[in-house]
């Protein structure tokens, strides 16, 4: 029989979806500490020491953590792989619950209350964007399909009432029609509070993810993989 879940679990939070990543620890709905991970290439080197440091600050042993919550993308290929593998390894080693959260789902939680329709976007390279539309409904958000769209195609289809947010918003800022409203730049990267909110909701519903099967949320191969495939086909 599984032990009952506490109302105020000790949680580790990990986001490495962008160039600047972070780890944080929380108890219940309170963030207790946070540490930034600077450039994507340093996530692998810095993540484990950051987790150890945050646990020491709270006088927690790793096995006292009850869940690890990780954002799964879309986002940086290298960063996501490092963050998700670290979360899976931590869950396996300590026996804590693994909870995945789509990055765009966390980002839409950070939009202004008056925004009823929001496009969250991120760079998909080669003048393309990851795009997902969310509509505010009673009790939360209705999620549209996550897509990759050419910038021109996306711009041509924007309704006048949409807000635009996410890490890709800055890339198209100069091209947005004046009527389109922007989510503040400070809310266009994942914050610990939004990741915690969604992870805590899943925890309290009794949910958990299989650490063997959790993978980054991609819709396309990396540039390196696409280039390799083109070379293979041309041979």
C-alpha atoms as a PDB file:
ATOM      1  CA  UNK A   1       0.000   0.000   0.000  1.00  0.00           C
ATOM      2  CA  UNK A   2       1.395   3.397  -0.983  1.00  0.00           C
ATOM      3  CA  UNK A   3       1.859   5.947   1.818  1.00  0.00           C
ATOM      4  CA  UNK A   4      -0.553   8.873   1.897  1.00  0.00           C
ATOM      5  CA  UNK A   5       0.744  12.007   0.246  1.00  0.00           C
ATOM      6  CA  UNK A   6       1.383  15.017   2.432  1.00  0.00           C
ATOM      7  CA  UNK A   7      -0.417  18.307   1.817  1.00  0.00           C
ATOM      8  CA  UNK A   8       2.859  20.264   1.924  1.00  0.00           C
ATOM      9  CA  UNK A   9       5.408  18.089   0.113  1.00  0.00           C
ATOM     10  CA  UNK A  10       9.073  18.935  -0.153  1.00  0.00           C
ATOM     11  CA  UNK A  11       9.719  19.445  -3.857  1.00  0.00           C
ATOM     12  CA  UNK A  12      12.631  19.974  -6.204  1.00  0.00           C
ATOM     13  CA  UNK A  13      11.849  22.105  -9.292  1.00  0.00           C
ATOM     14  CA  UNK A  14      13.949  22.086 -12.480  1.00  0.00           C
ATOM     15  CA  UNK A  15      13.670  24.218 -15.601  1.00  0.00           C
ATOM     16  CA  UNK A  16      16.352  24.044 -18.297  1.00  0.00           C
ATOM     17  CA  UNK A  17      14.152  24.864 -21.282  1.00  0.00           C
ATOM     18  CA  UNK A  18      15.959  28.124 -22.084  1.00  0.00           C
ATOM     19  CA  UNK A  19      19.461  29.585 -22.172  1.00  0.00           C
ATOM     20  CA  UNK A  20      19.136  30.515 -18.512  1.00  0.00           C
ATOM     21  CA  UNK A  21      17.926  27.608 -16.384  1.00  0.00           C
ATOM     22  CA  UNK A  22      17.245  27.284 -12.691  1.00  0.00           C
ATOM     23  CA  UNK A  23      16.599  24.842  -9.885  1.00  0.00           C
ATOM     24  CA  UNK A  24      14.501  25.562  -6.829  1.00  0.00           C
ATOM     25  CA  UNK A  25      13.176  23.860  -3.715  1.00  0.00           C
ATOM     26  CA  UNK A  26       9.730  24.346  -2.218  1.00  0.00           C
ATOM     27  CA  UNK A  27       7.547  23.082   0.563  1.00  0.00           C
ATOM     28  CA  UNK A  28       3.872  23.097  -0.238  1.00  0.00           C
ATOM     29  CA  UNK A  29       3.126  26.302  -2.122  1.00  0.00           C
ATOM     30  CA  UNK A  30       6.176  28.184  -0.796  1.00  0.00           C
ATOM     31  CA  UNK A  31       9.417  28.580  -2.748  1.00  0.00           C
ATOM     32  CA  UNK A  32      12.231  28.293  -0.213  1.00  0.00           C
ATOM     33  CA  UNK A  33      15.278  28.754  -2.440  1.00  0.00           C
ATOM     34  CA  UNK A  34      16.297  29.179  -6.069  1.00  0.00           C
ATOM     35  CA  UNK A  35      19.579  29.030  -7.970  1.00  0.00           C
ATOM     36  CA  UNK A  36      20.183  30.073 -11.573  1.00  0.00           C
ATOM     37  CA  UNK A  37      22.080  27.975 -14.110  1.00  0.00           C
ATOM     38  CA  UNK A  38      23.709  30.428 -16.482  1.00  0.00           C
ATOM     39  CA  UNK A  39      24.398  29.290 -20.062  1.00  0.00           C
ATOM     40  CA  UNK A  40      22.895  26.145 -21.596  1.00  0.00           C
ATOM     41  CA  UNK A  41      26.283  24.543 -21.996  1.00  0.00           C
ATOM     42  CA  UNK A  42      26.805  24.797 -18.230  1.00  0.00           C
ATOM     43  CA  UNK A  43      23.550  23.173 -17.144  1.00  0.00           C
ATOM     44  CA  UNK A  44      25.099  19.706 -16.910  1.00  0.00           C
ATOM     45  CA  UNK A  45      28.056  20.912 -14.868  1.00  0.00           C
ATOM     46  CA  UNK A  46      26.132  23.171 -12.505  1.00  0.00           C
ATOM     47  CA  UNK A  47      22.808  21.440 -11.933  1.00  0.00           C
ATOM     48  CA  UNK A  48      23.788  18.746  -9.425  1.00  0.00           C
ATOM     49  CA  UNK A  49      25.904  21.099  -7.247  1.00  0.00           C
ATOM     50  CA  UNK A  50      23.028  23.605  -7.274  1.00  0.00           C
ATOM     51  CA  UNK A  51      20.580  20.976  -6.030  1.00  0.00           C
ATOM     52  CA  UNK A  52      23.020  19.909  -3.311  1.00  0.00           C
ATOM     53  CA  UNK A  53      23.506  23.520  -2.223  1.00  0.00           C
ATOM     54  CA  UNK A  54      19.771  24.222  -2.015  1.00  0.00           C
ATOM     55  CA  UNK A  55      19.177  21.072   0.045  1.00  0.00           C
ATOM     56  CA  UNK A  56      21.986  22.009   2.443  1.00  0.00           C
ATOM     57  CA  UNK A  57      20.451  25.455   2.939  1.00  0.00           C
ATOM     58  CA  UNK A  58      17.219  23.788   4.114  1.00  0.00           C
ATOM     59  CA  UNK A  59      19.054  21.060   6.079  1.00  0.00           C
ATOM     60  CA  UNK A  60      17.297  18.481   3.900  1.00  0.00           C
ATOM     61  CA  UNK A  61      18.677  15.131   2.844  1.00  0.00           C
ATOM     62  CA  UNK A  62      17.992  14.228  -0.786  1.00  0.00           C
ATOM     63  CA  UNK A  63      15.773  11.304   0.227  1.00  0.00           C
ATOM     64  CA  UNK A  64      13.549  13.659   2.216  1.00  0.00           C
ATOM     65  CA  UNK A  65      12.357  15.277  -1.014  1.00  0.00           C
ATOM     66  CA  UNK A  66       8.983  13.866  -2.011  1.00  0.00           C
ATOM     67  CA  UNK A  67       8.778  14.968  -5.650  1.00  0.00           C
ATOM     68  CA  UNK A  68      10.818  16.445  -8.477  1.00  0.00           C
ATOM     69  CA  UNK A  69       8.940  18.648 -10.960  1.00  0.00           C
ATOM     70  CA  UNK A  70      10.567  19.239 -14.346  1.00  0.00           C
ATOM     71  CA  UNK A  71       9.569  21.286 -17.381  1.00  0.00           C
ATOM     72  CA  UNK A  72       9.725  19.162 -20.543  1.00  0.00           C
ATOM     73  CA  UNK A  73       9.677  21.735 -23.346  1.00  0.00           C
ATOM     74  CA  UNK A  74       9.553  22.687 -26.053  1.00  0.00           C
ATOM     75  CA  UNK A  75      12.794  24.596 -25.674  1.00  0.00           C
ATOM     76  CA  UNK A  76      16.546  24.157 -25.835  1.00  0.00           C
ATOM     77  CA  UNK A  77      17.439  20.650 -27.036  1.00  0.00           C
ATOM     78  CA  UNK A  78      20.585  20.345 -24.935  1.00  0.00           C
ATOM     79  CA  UNK A  79      19.118  22.061 -21.896  1.00  0.00           C
ATOM     80  CA  UNK A  80      15.983  19.934 -21.835  1.00  0.00           C
ATOM     81  CA  UNK A  81      17.934  16.712 -22.135  1.00  0.00           C
ATOM     82  CA  UNK A  82      20.146  17.681 -19.204  1.00  0.00           C
ATOM     83  CA  UNK A  83      17.269  18.799 -17.009  1.00  0.00           C
ATOM     84  CA  UNK A  84      15.006  15.841 -17.723  1.00  0.00           C
ATOM     85  CA  UNK A  85      17.769  13.267 -17.356  1.00  0.00           C
ATOM     86  CA  UNK A  86      18.774  14.862 -14.058  1.00  0.00           C
ATOM     87  CA  UNK A  87      15.174  14.754 -12.816  1.00  0.00           C
ATOM     88  CA  UNK A  88      14.770  11.114 -13.869  1.00  0.00           C
ATOM     89  CA  UNK A  89      18.031  10.122 -12.229  1.00  0.00           C
ATOM     90  CA  UNK A  90      17.091  11.943  -9.023  1.00  0.00           C
ATOM     91  CA  UNK A  91      13.685  10.249  -8.890  1.00  0.00           C
ATOM     92  CA  UNK A  92      15.239   6.837  -9.515  1.00  0.00           C
ATOM     93  CA  UNK A  93      17.976   7.310  -6.900  1.00  0.00           C
ATOM     94  CA  UNK A  94      15.780   8.719  -4.129  1.00  0.00           C
ATOM     95  CA  UNK A  95      12.450   7.040  -4.815  1.00  0.00           C
ATOM     96  CA  UNK A  96      10.604  10.352  -5.000  1.00  0.00           C
ATOM     97  CA  UNK A  97       7.720  11.074  -7.388  1.00  0.00           C
ATOM     98  CA  UNK A  98       8.550  12.444 -10.843  1.00  0.00           C
ATOM     99  CA  UNK A  99       6.124  15.031 -12.234  1.00  0.00           C
ATOM    100  CA  UNK A 100       6.535  16.483 -15.731  1.00  0.00           C
ATOM    101  CA  UNK A 101       5.031  19.813 -16.796  1.00  0.00           C
ATOM    102  CA  UNK A 102       4.895  21.085 -20.404  1.00  0.00           C
ATOM    103  CA  UNK A 103       6.837  24.351 -20.535  1.00  0.00           C
ATOM    104  CA  UNK A 104       4.141  26.267 -22.438  1.00  0.00           C
ATOM    105  CA  UNK A 105       1.546  25.214 -19.868  1.00  0.00           C
ATOM    106  CA  UNK A 106       3.648  26.841 -17.147  1.00  0.00           C
ATOM    107  CA  UNK A 107       4.214  29.955 -19.255  1.00  0.00           C
ATOM    108  CA  UNK A 108       0.518  30.589 -19.876  1.00  0.00           C
ATOM    109  CA  UNK A 109      -0.053  30.674 -16.119  1.00  0.00           C
ATOM    110  CA  UNK A 110       2.097  33.815 -16.064  1.00  0.00           C
ATOM    111  CA  UNK A 111      -0.044  35.847 -18.467  1.00  0.00           C
ATOM    112  CA  UNK A 112      -2.057  38.870 -17.246  1.00  0.00           C
ATOM    113  CA  UNK A 113      -5.514  38.146 -15.863  1.00  0.00           C
ATOM    114  CA  UNK A 114      -7.190  40.165 -18.625  1.00  0.00           C
ATOM    115  CA  UNK A 115      -5.720  37.937 -21.359  1.00  0.00           C
ATOM    116  CA  UNK A 116      -8.419  35.558 -22.615  1.00  0.00           C
ATOM    117  CA  UNK A 117      -6.597  34.153 -25.660  1.00  0.00           C
ATOM    118  CA  UNK A 118      -2.824  33.662 -25.632  1.00  0.00           C
ATOM    119  CA  UNK A 119      -0.307  32.329 -28.145  1.00  0.00           C
ATOM    120  CA  UNK A 120       2.818  31.012 -26.417  1.00  0.00           C
ATOM    121  CA  UNK A 121       5.719  30.881 -28.861  1.00  0.00           C
ATOM    122  CA  UNK A 122       9.334  29.709 -28.891  1.00  0.00           C
ATOM    123  CA  UNK A 123      12.073  29.653 -31.511  1.00  0.00           C
ATOM    124  CA  UNK A 124      11.977  26.553 -33.725  1.00  0.00           C
ATOM    125  CA  UNK A 125      14.867  27.831 -35.904  1.00  0.00           C
ATOM    126  CA  UNK A 126      14.878  28.725 -39.620  1.00  0.00           C
ATOM    127  CA  UNK A 127      12.162  31.395 -39.260  1.00  0.00           C
ATOM    128  CA  UNK A 128       9.782  28.964 -37.641  1.00  0.00           C
ATOM    129  CA  UNK A 129       8.074  29.019 -34.267  1.00  0.00           C
ATOM    130  CA  UNK A 130       6.678  26.541 -31.814  1.00  0.00           C
ATOM    131  CA  UNK A 131       3.147  27.872 -31.279  1.00  0.00           C
ATOM    132  CA  UNK A 132       0.400  26.823 -28.903  1.00  0.00           C
ATOM    133  CA  UNK A 133      -2.834  28.740 -28.374  1.00  0.00           C
ATOM    134  CA  UNK A 134      -4.606  28.813 -25.035  1.00  0.00           C
ATOM    135  CA  UNK A 135      -8.118  30.100 -24.306  1.00  0.00           C
ATOM    136  CA  UNK A 136      -9.111  31.027 -20.773  1.00  0.00           C
ATOM    137  CA  UNK A 137     -12.139  29.065 -19.593  1.00  0.00           C
ATOM    138  CA  UNK A 138     -13.830  28.538 -16.252  1.00  0.00           C
ATOM    139  CA  UNK A 139     -11.340  26.854 -13.978  1.00  0.00           C
ATOM    140  CA  UNK A 140      -8.283  27.116 -16.184  1.00  0.00           C
ATOM    141  CA  UNK A 141      -7.130  27.013 -19.803  1.00  0.00           C
ATOM    142  CA  UNK A 142      -8.256  25.167 -22.920  1.00  0.00           C
ATOM    143  CA  UNK A 143      -5.137  24.038 -24.775  1.00  0.00           C
ATOM    144  CA  UNK A 144      -4.816  24.128 -28.535  1.00  0.00           C
ATOM    145  CA  UNK A 145      -2.515  21.948 -30.590  1.00  0.00           C
ATOM    146  CA  UNK A 146       1.226  22.506 -30.252  1.00  0.00           C
ATOM    147  CA  UNK A 147       2.522  23.261 -33.756  1.00  0.00           C
ATOM    148  CA  UNK A 148       5.542  24.440 -35.696  1.00  0.00           C
ATOM    149  CA  UNK A 149       4.610  27.293 -38.021  1.00  0.00           C
ATOM    150  CA  UNK A 150       6.519  29.579 -40.343  1.00  0.00           C
ATOM    151  CA  UNK A 151       6.655  33.051 -38.835  1.00  0.00           C
ATOM    152  CA  UNK A 152       4.852  34.569 -41.836  1.00  0.00           C
ATOM    153  CA  UNK A 153       2.043  32.002 -41.681  1.00  0.00           C
ATOM    154  CA  UNK A 154       1.550  32.533 -37.954  1.00  0.00           C
ATOM    155  CA  UNK A 155       1.535  36.327 -38.247  1.00  0.00           C
ATOM    156  CA  UNK A 156      -1.029  36.144 -41.026  1.00  0.00           C
ATOM    157  CA  UNK A 157      -3.448  34.138 -38.891  1.00  0.00           C
ATOM    158  CA  UNK A 158      -3.385  36.132 -35.630  1.00  0.00           C
ATOM    159  CA  UNK A 159      -6.795  37.207 -34.327  1.00  0.00           C
ATOM    160  CA  UNK A 160      -7.020  40.755 -33.004  1.00  0.00           C
ATOM    161  CA  UNK A 161      -7.758  39.684 -29.406  1.00  0.00           C
ATOM    162  CA  UNK A 162      -4.720  37.435 -28.949  1.00  0.00           C
ATOM    163  CA  UNK A 163      -1.865  38.087 -26.536  1.00  0.00           C
ATOM    164  CA  UNK A 164       1.619  36.822 -27.425  1.00  0.00           C
ATOM    165  CA  UNK A 165       4.037  35.465 -24.853  1.00  0.00           C
ATOM    166  CA  UNK A 166       6.809  32.945 -24.343  1.00  0.00           C
ATOM    167  CA  UNK A 167      10.535  33.023 -25.080  1.00  0.00           C
ATOM    168  CA  UNK A 168       9.972  33.454 -28.825  1.00  0.00           C
ATOM    169  CA  UNK A 169       7.951  36.646 -28.443  1.00  0.00           C
ATOM    170  CA  UNK A 170      11.047  38.862 -28.488  1.00  0.00           C
ATOM    171  CA  UNK A 171      12.049  37.390 -31.866  1.00  0.00           C
ATOM    172  CA  UNK A 172       8.909  38.695 -33.564  1.00  0.00           C
ATOM    173  CA  UNK A 173       8.253  41.810 -31.523  1.00  0.00           C
ATOM    174  CA  UNK A 174       9.018  44.184 -34.398  1.00  0.00           C
ATOM    175  CA  UNK A 175       6.724  42.251 -36.743  1.00  0.00           C
ATOM    176  CA  UNK A 176       3.627  42.075 -34.562  1.00  0.00           C
ATOM    177  CA  UNK A 177       0.663  44.223 -35.643  1.00  0.00           C
ATOM    178  CA  UNK A 178       0.117  47.163 -33.253  1.00  0.00           C
ATOM    179  CA  UNK A 179      -3.219  45.739 -32.099  1.00  0.00           C
ATOM    180  CA  UNK A 180      -1.594  42.554 -30.749  1.00  0.00           C
ATOM    181  CA  UNK A 181      -0.758  42.730 -27.047  1.00  0.00           C
ATOM    182  CA  UNK A 182       2.477  41.357 -25.599  1.00  0.00           C
ATOM    183  CA  UNK A 183       2.894  39.497 -22.325  1.00  0.00           C
ATOM    184  CA  UNK A 184       5.493  41.415 -20.246  1.00  0.00           C
ATOM    185  CA  UNK A 185       9.009  40.202 -21.011  1.00  0.00           C
ATOM    186  CA  UNK A 186       9.622  39.231 -17.370  1.00  0.00           C
ATOM    187  CA  UNK A 187       6.777  36.701 -17.682  1.00  0.00           C
ATOM    188  CA  UNK A 188       8.015  35.172 -20.938  1.00  0.00           C
ATOM    189  CA  UNK A 189      10.376  32.725 -19.224  1.00  0.00           C
ATOM    190  CA  UNK A 190       9.276  30.043 -16.783  1.00  0.00           C
ATOM    191  CA  UNK A 191       9.159  31.166 -13.151  1.00  0.00           C
ATOM    192  CA  UNK A 192       9.433  28.733 -10.221  1.00  0.00           C
ATOM    193  CA  UNK A 193       5.993  29.690  -8.894  1.00  0.00           C
ATOM    194  CA  UNK A 194       4.145  28.598 -12.044  1.00  0.00           C
ATOM    195  CA  UNK A 195       6.032  25.302 -12.294  1.00  0.00           C
ATOM    196  CA  UNK A 196       5.353  24.680  -8.613  1.00  0.00           C
ATOM    197  CA  UNK A 197       1.641  25.450  -8.991  1.00  0.00           C
ATOM    198  CA  UNK A 198       1.169  22.877 -11.749  1.00  0.00           C
ATOM    199  CA  UNK A 199       3.385  20.290 -10.098  1.00  0.00           C
ATOM    200  CA  UNK A 200       1.556  20.676  -6.805  1.00  0.00           C
ATOM    201  CA  UNK A 201      -1.806  20.256  -8.546  1.00  0.00           C
ATOM    202  CA  UNK A 202      -0.606  16.980 -10.063  1.00  0.00           C
ATOM    203  CA  UNK A 203       0.823  15.845  -6.719  1.00  0.00           C
ATOM    204  CA  UNK A 204      -2.471  16.478  -4.933  1.00  0.00           C
ATOM    205  CA  UNK A 205      -4.356  14.542  -7.625  1.00  0.00           C
ATOM    206  CA  UNK A 206      -2.148  11.561  -6.841  1.00  0.00           C
ATOM    207  CA  UNK A 207      -0.403  11.602 -10.227  1.00  0.00           C
ATOM    208  CA  UNK A 208       3.128  10.467 -11.074  1.00  0.00           C
ATOM    209  CA  UNK A 209       5.173   9.862 -14.218  1.00  0.00           C
ATOM    210  CA  UNK A 210       7.240   6.825 -15.124  1.00  0.00           C
ATOM    211  CA  UNK A 211      10.867   7.972 -15.121  1.00  0.00           C
ATOM    212  CA  UNK A 212      11.728   5.386 -17.783  1.00  0.00           C
ATOM    213  CA  UNK A 213       9.389   6.960 -20.338  1.00  0.00           C
ATOM    214  CA  UNK A 214       9.533  10.736 -19.731  1.00  0.00           C
ATOM    215  CA  UNK A 215      11.157  12.490 -22.697  1.00  0.00           C
ATOM    216  CA  UNK A 216      11.600  16.086 -23.887  1.00  0.00           C
ATOM    217  CA  UNK A 217       8.646  17.514 -25.793  1.00  0.00           C
ATOM    218  CA  UNK A 218       9.963  17.996 -29.327  1.00  0.00           C
ATOM    219  CA  UNK A 219       8.116  18.296 -32.627  1.00  0.00           C
ATOM    220  CA  UNK A 220      11.232  18.283 -34.781  1.00  0.00           C
ATOM    221  CA  UNK A 221      14.786  17.016 -34.817  1.00  0.00           C
ATOM    222  CA  UNK A 222      17.640  19.299 -33.816  1.00  0.00           C
ATOM    223  CA  UNK A 223      19.518  21.228 -36.521  1.00  0.00           C
ATOM    224  CA  UNK A 224      22.410  18.793 -36.241  1.00  0.00           C
ATOM    225  CA  UNK A 225      20.075  15.828 -36.706  1.00  0.00           C
ATOM    226  CA  UNK A 226      18.329  17.467 -39.659  1.00  0.00           C
ATOM    227  CA  UNK A 227      21.670  18.267 -41.316  1.00  0.00           C
ATOM    228  CA  UNK A 228      22.860  14.688 -40.806  1.00  0.00           C
ATOM    229  CA  UNK A 229      19.629  13.360 -42.353  1.00  0.00           C
ATOM    230  CA  UNK A 230      20.025  15.651 -45.389  1.00  0.00           C
ATOM    231  CA  UNK A 231      23.601  14.461 -45.900  1.00  0.00           C
ATOM    232  CA  UNK A 232      22.517  10.829 -45.580  1.00  0.00           C
ATOM    233  CA  UNK A 233      19.821  11.249 -48.219  1.00  0.00           C
ATOM    234  CA  UNK A 234      22.174  12.999 -50.638  1.00  0.00           C
ATOM    235  CA  UNK A 235      24.689  10.148 -50.599  1.00  0.00           C
END
